[in-house]
Amino acid sequence: MPVHFLLHYLTASPLQWRSVADQIAQKMPQATADAGHLSGHLYGIWRSQIGRPRDELTVMTVWQDPIEGEDGMRKLVAGLPEIVGCDTHSLLPTLRPENTAPPARQGNYAFRWFETPEAHWGEFLQLCSEAWPGFEASYDSQVIGLWRTKTASCPGLIGSLLLTRRPDLSMWERSKLPQGAAEAEVRRKLSRRYDLCTSTVVATSTLLTACDRVDDARWT
């Protein structure tokens, strides 16, 4: 049975984002038990860096049954009065991730949404598969996952979410300015991928559940 990822944009009361993140991490095991799926677990909690509101958290969870997962998260969110808004998206993994192990290293995480015509989806995936090894080798970066969403703005389009990690924002800029033939070829493939989609938008964040270091910068 395939696993399902749920992405939740949680809006906290002003300046309560860290308190909410701590409570989510603490209460998540009970939420999975209450939902009847002990296999459900927290994948990560991110806070806004660029492009999302200051008091919003991006939370990803993993479940075998997305309906039971959504029910478990609704109950968890309802029990936290500091959460004033919740927007949930159901995601199915495509090329990556290959497993459900949570990301652990701190860095600059980019959440990029795409909408791609169905006719171009196969080429879109092929370009991703071909470009990622060079991207990761050139920029000390990792492609965490590419998920297909259940919704798009209109029929005939496929929605997807790409999550990448770079060490920091300086590497974000560096990855946009290719040096040498190998990097230029990576950029060519990624540029072709962007040209295939009808829309794309990106926001960056840092990982509150990182195991190596805490990010205390005032980003927003």
Protein backbone atom coordinates (compact mmCIF):
# COMPACT_ATOMS: atom_id res chain seq x y z
CA MET A 1 0.00 0.00 0.00
CA PRO A 2 1.54 3.37 -0.97
CA VAL A 3 2.28 5.89 1.73
CA HIS A 4 0.67 9.31 1.68
CA PHE A 5 2.24 12.57 2.74
CA LEU A 6 0.15 15.40 4.13
CA LEU A 7 1.40 18.98 4.00
CA HIS A 8 -0.16 21.40 6.46
CA TYR A 9 0.22 25.17 6.45
CA LEU A 10 -0.51 26.07 10.08
CA THR A 11 -1.07 29.70 11.01
CA ALA A 12 -0.18 30.46 14.62
CA SER A 13 -1.24 33.38 16.75
CA PRO A 14 1.28 36.27 16.55
CA LEU A 15 4.74 35.17 17.70
CA GLN A 16 3.52 31.73 18.80
CA TRP A 17 4.99 29.73 15.90
CA ARG A 18 7.77 28.16 17.99
CA SER A 19 5.38 27.16 20.78
CA VAL A 20 3.07 25.57 18.21
CA ALA A 21 5.99 23.70 16.60
CA ASP A 22 7.08 22.30 19.97
CA GLN A 23 3.55 21.15 20.76
CA ILE A 24 3.09 19.53 17.35
CA ALA A 25 6.32 17.56 17.76
CA GLN A 26 5.34 16.52 21.29
CA LYS A 27 1.75 15.53 20.51
CA MET A 28 2.25 13.88 17.12
CA PRO A 29 2.76 10.32 18.50
CA GLN A 30 -0.60 10.52 20.31
CA ALA A 31 -2.26 11.90 17.17
CA THR A 32 -1.13 8.86 15.15
CA ALA A 33 -2.39 6.51 17.86
CA ASP A 34 -5.76 8.27 18.05
CA ALA A 35 -6.09 8.03 14.26
CA GLY A 36 -5.60 4.28 14.47
CA HIS A 37 -2.35 4.27 12.50
CA LEU A 38 0.75 3.70 14.55
CA SER A 39 2.74 3.90 11.30
CA GLY A 40 1.94 7.61 10.91
CA HIS A 41 4.73 9.95 11.86
CA LEU A 42 6.02 13.51 11.66
CA TYR A 43 8.19 14.16 8.60
CA GLY A 44 9.27 17.71 9.41
CA ILE A 45 8.36 21.16 10.67
CA TRP A 46 9.67 24.24 8.86
CA ARG A 47 9.41 27.95 9.62
CA SER A 48 9.25 30.73 7.07
CA GLN A 49 12.43 32.21 5.68
CA ILE A 50 11.35 34.00 2.48
CA GLY A 51 7.93 34.08 0.84
CA ARG A 52 5.55 32.87 3.59
CA PRO A 53 4.07 34.65 6.65
CA ARG A 54 6.17 34.97 9.79
CA ASP A 55 3.73 33.05 12.00
CA GLU A 56 3.08 30.20 9.59
CA LEU A 57 4.57 26.73 9.95
CA THR A 58 4.91 24.17 7.17
CA VAL A 59 4.32 20.72 8.64
CA MET A 60 4.61 17.42 6.77
CA THR A 61 3.29 14.11 8.10
CA VAL A 62 3.28 10.57 6.68
CA TRP A 63 0.38 8.10 6.79
CA GLN A 64 -0.75 4.86 5.21
CA ASP A 65 -4.32 6.18 5.06
CA PRO A 66 -4.62 9.90 4.20
CA ILE A 67 -8.23 10.13 5.41
CA GLU A 68 -7.34 8.83 8.85
CA GLY A 69 -4.27 11.04 8.77
CA GLU A 70 -6.33 14.14 8.06
CA ASP A 71 -8.71 13.20 10.87
CA GLY A 72 -5.83 12.74 13.29
CA MET A 73 -4.32 16.10 12.36
CA ARG A 74 -7.68 17.86 12.65
CA LYS A 75 -8.02 16.61 16.19
CA LEU A 76 -4.47 17.60 17.04
CA VAL A 77 -4.91 21.11 15.60
CA ALA A 78 -8.27 21.53 17.34
CA GLY A 79 -6.55 20.92 20.66
CA LEU A 80 -4.05 23.76 20.16
CA PRO A 81 -5.77 27.16 20.61
CA GLU A 82 -2.65 28.97 19.37
CA ILE A 83 -3.37 27.64 15.85
CA VAL A 84 -5.77 29.99 14.07
CA GLY A 85 -5.68 28.50 10.57
CA CYS A 86 -4.88 25.22 8.80
CA ASP A 87 -4.61 24.43 5.08
CA THR A 88 -3.88 20.79 4.21
CA HIS A 89 -2.67 19.22 0.95
CA SER A 90 -2.52 15.48 0.20
CA LEU A 91 0.66 14.39 -1.62
CA LEU A 92 1.80 11.21 -3.36
CA PRO A 93 5.54 10.67 -3.90
CA THR A 94 6.84 10.30 -7.46
CA LEU A 95 10.58 9.91 -8.15
CA ARG A 96 11.48 10.78 -4.56
CA PRO A 97 11.47 10.35 -1.62
CA GLU A 98 12.35 6.68 -1.78
CA ASN A 99 11.47 6.17 1.90
CA THR A 100 9.78 8.05 4.74
CA ALA A 101 12.89 8.88 6.79
CA PRO A 102 12.56 12.56 7.84
CA PRO A 103 15.13 15.11 6.66
CA ALA A 104 17.53 15.87 9.49
CA ARG A 105 20.07 18.50 8.36
CA GLN A 106 19.52 22.21 8.78
CA GLY A 107 19.66 24.37 5.67
CA ASN A 108 17.75 26.42 3.14
CA TYR A 109 14.68 24.38 2.16
CA ALA A 110 12.78 25.45 -0.95
CA PHE A 111 9.15 24.43 -1.39
CA ARG A 112 8.35 24.91 -5.08
CA TRP A 113 4.87 24.29 -6.47
CA PHE A 114 4.31 23.51 -10.15
CA GLU A 115 1.32 23.12 -12.42
CA THR A 116 2.19 21.19 -15.59
CA PRO A 117 0.01 20.16 -18.54
CA GLU A 118 -0.60 16.41 -18.51
CA ALA A 119 0.94 16.14 -21.99
CA HIS A 120 4.28 17.41 -20.62
CA TRP A 121 4.31 15.48 -17.34
CA GLY A 122 6.45 12.60 -18.64
CA GLU A 123 9.13 14.96 -19.97
CA PHE A 124 8.94 16.98 -16.75
CA LEU A 125 9.76 13.86 -14.71
CA GLN A 126 12.53 12.83 -17.10
CA LEU A 127 14.19 16.25 -16.86
CA CYS A 128 14.06 16.06 -13.07
CA SER A 129 15.64 12.60 -13.05
CA GLU A 130 18.41 13.68 -15.43
CA ALA A 131 19.18 17.01 -13.75
CA TRP A 132 19.13 16.06 -10.08
CA PRO A 133 22.45 14.13 -9.86
CA GLY A 134 24.40 17.04 -11.35
CA PHE A 135 22.50 19.56 -9.24
CA GLU A 136 23.31 17.67 -6.04
CA ALA A 137 26.97 17.15 -6.96
CA SER A 138 27.59 20.75 -7.99
CA TYR A 139 25.92 22.58 -5.14
CA ASP A 140 26.18 20.39 -2.02
CA SER A 141 22.38 20.22 -2.22
CA GLN A 142 19.74 17.50 -1.98
CA VAL A 143 16.42 16.88 -3.67
CA ILE A 144 14.23 15.71 -0.78
CA GLY A 145 11.15 14.83 -2.79
CA LEU A 146 8.78 15.50 -5.66
CA TRP A 147 5.14 14.84 -4.84
CA ARG A 148 2.08 14.91 -7.04
CA THR A 149 -0.91 16.74 -5.58
CA LYS A 150 -4.56 15.84 -5.95
CA THR A 151 -5.65 19.29 -7.01
CA ALA A 152 -4.82 21.74 -9.79
CA SER A 153 -6.32 25.05 -10.85
CA CYS A 154 -8.08 23.52 -13.87
CA PRO A 155 -8.56 20.17 -15.69
CA GLY A 156 -5.65 18.95 -17.77
CA LEU A 157 -3.01 20.22 -15.33
CA ILE A 158 -0.96 18.20 -12.84
CA GLY A 159 0.02 19.85 -9.58
CA SER A 160 3.29 18.92 -7.91
CA LEU A 161 5.52 19.99 -5.03
CA LEU A 162 9.32 19.89 -5.16
CA LEU A 163 11.30 20.12 -1.91
CA THR A 164 15.04 20.80 -2.14
CA ARG A 165 17.70 21.53 0.46
CA ARG A 166 20.71 23.79 0.05
CA PRO A 167 23.24 24.56 2.79
CA ASP A 168 22.26 28.24 2.91
CA LEU A 169 20.88 31.15 0.91
CA SER A 170 24.24 31.89 -0.68
CA MET A 171 24.11 28.48 -2.34
CA TRP A 172 20.61 29.31 -3.59
CA GLU A 173 22.11 32.21 -5.56
CA ARG A 174 25.12 30.15 -6.58
CA SER A 175 22.90 27.41 -8.02
CA LYS A 176 21.25 29.93 -10.35
CA LEU A 177 24.59 31.04 -11.86
CA PRO A 178 26.19 28.03 -13.59
CA GLN A 179 29.95 27.76 -13.87
CA GLY A 180 31.37 25.43 -16.50
CA ALA A 181 29.77 23.08 -19.00
CA ALA A 182 28.44 20.52 -16.49
CA GLU A 183 26.58 23.14 -14.45
CA ALA A 184 25.32 24.81 -17.61
CA GLU A 185 23.79 21.50 -18.72
CA VAL A 186 22.04 21.11 -15.36
CA ARG A 187 20.66 24.63 -15.68
CA ARG A 188 19.51 23.92 -19.25
CA LYS A 189 17.47 20.94 -18.12
CA LEU A 190 15.99 22.79 -15.15
CA SER A 191 15.14 25.77 -17.36
CA ARG A 192 13.41 23.45 -19.82
CA ARG A 193 11.42 21.99 -16.92
CA TYR A 194 10.30 25.48 -15.88
CA ASP A 195 9.26 26.23 -19.47
CA LEU A 196 7.02 23.14 -19.57
CA CYS A 197 4.87 24.22 -16.63
CA THR A 198 2.08 26.77 -16.77
CA SER A 199 2.90 28.19 -13.34
CA THR A 200 5.40 27.83 -10.53
CA VAL A 201 5.97 29.56 -7.20
CA VAL A 202 8.60 29.04 -4.51
CA ALA A 203 9.14 29.91 -0.85
CA THR A 204 12.10 29.06 1.37
CA SER A 205 12.23 27.91 4.97
CA THR A 206 14.46 26.40 7.62
CA LEU A 207 13.96 23.11 9.45
CA LEU A 208 12.81 23.36 13.06
CA THR A 209 13.12 19.59 13.50
CA ALA A 210 16.77 19.51 12.32
CA CYS A 211 19.09 17.31 14.36
CA ASP A 212 22.38 19.09 13.71
CA ARG A 213 21.80 22.77 14.55
CA VAL A 214 19.14 25.30 15.47
CA ASP A 215 18.36 28.25 13.21
CA ASP A 216 17.71 31.35 15.35
CA ALA A 217 17.95 34.00 12.62
CA ARG A 218 15.19 36.61 12.34
CA TRP A 219 14.19 35.91 8.75
CA THR A 220 10.75 37.52 8.61
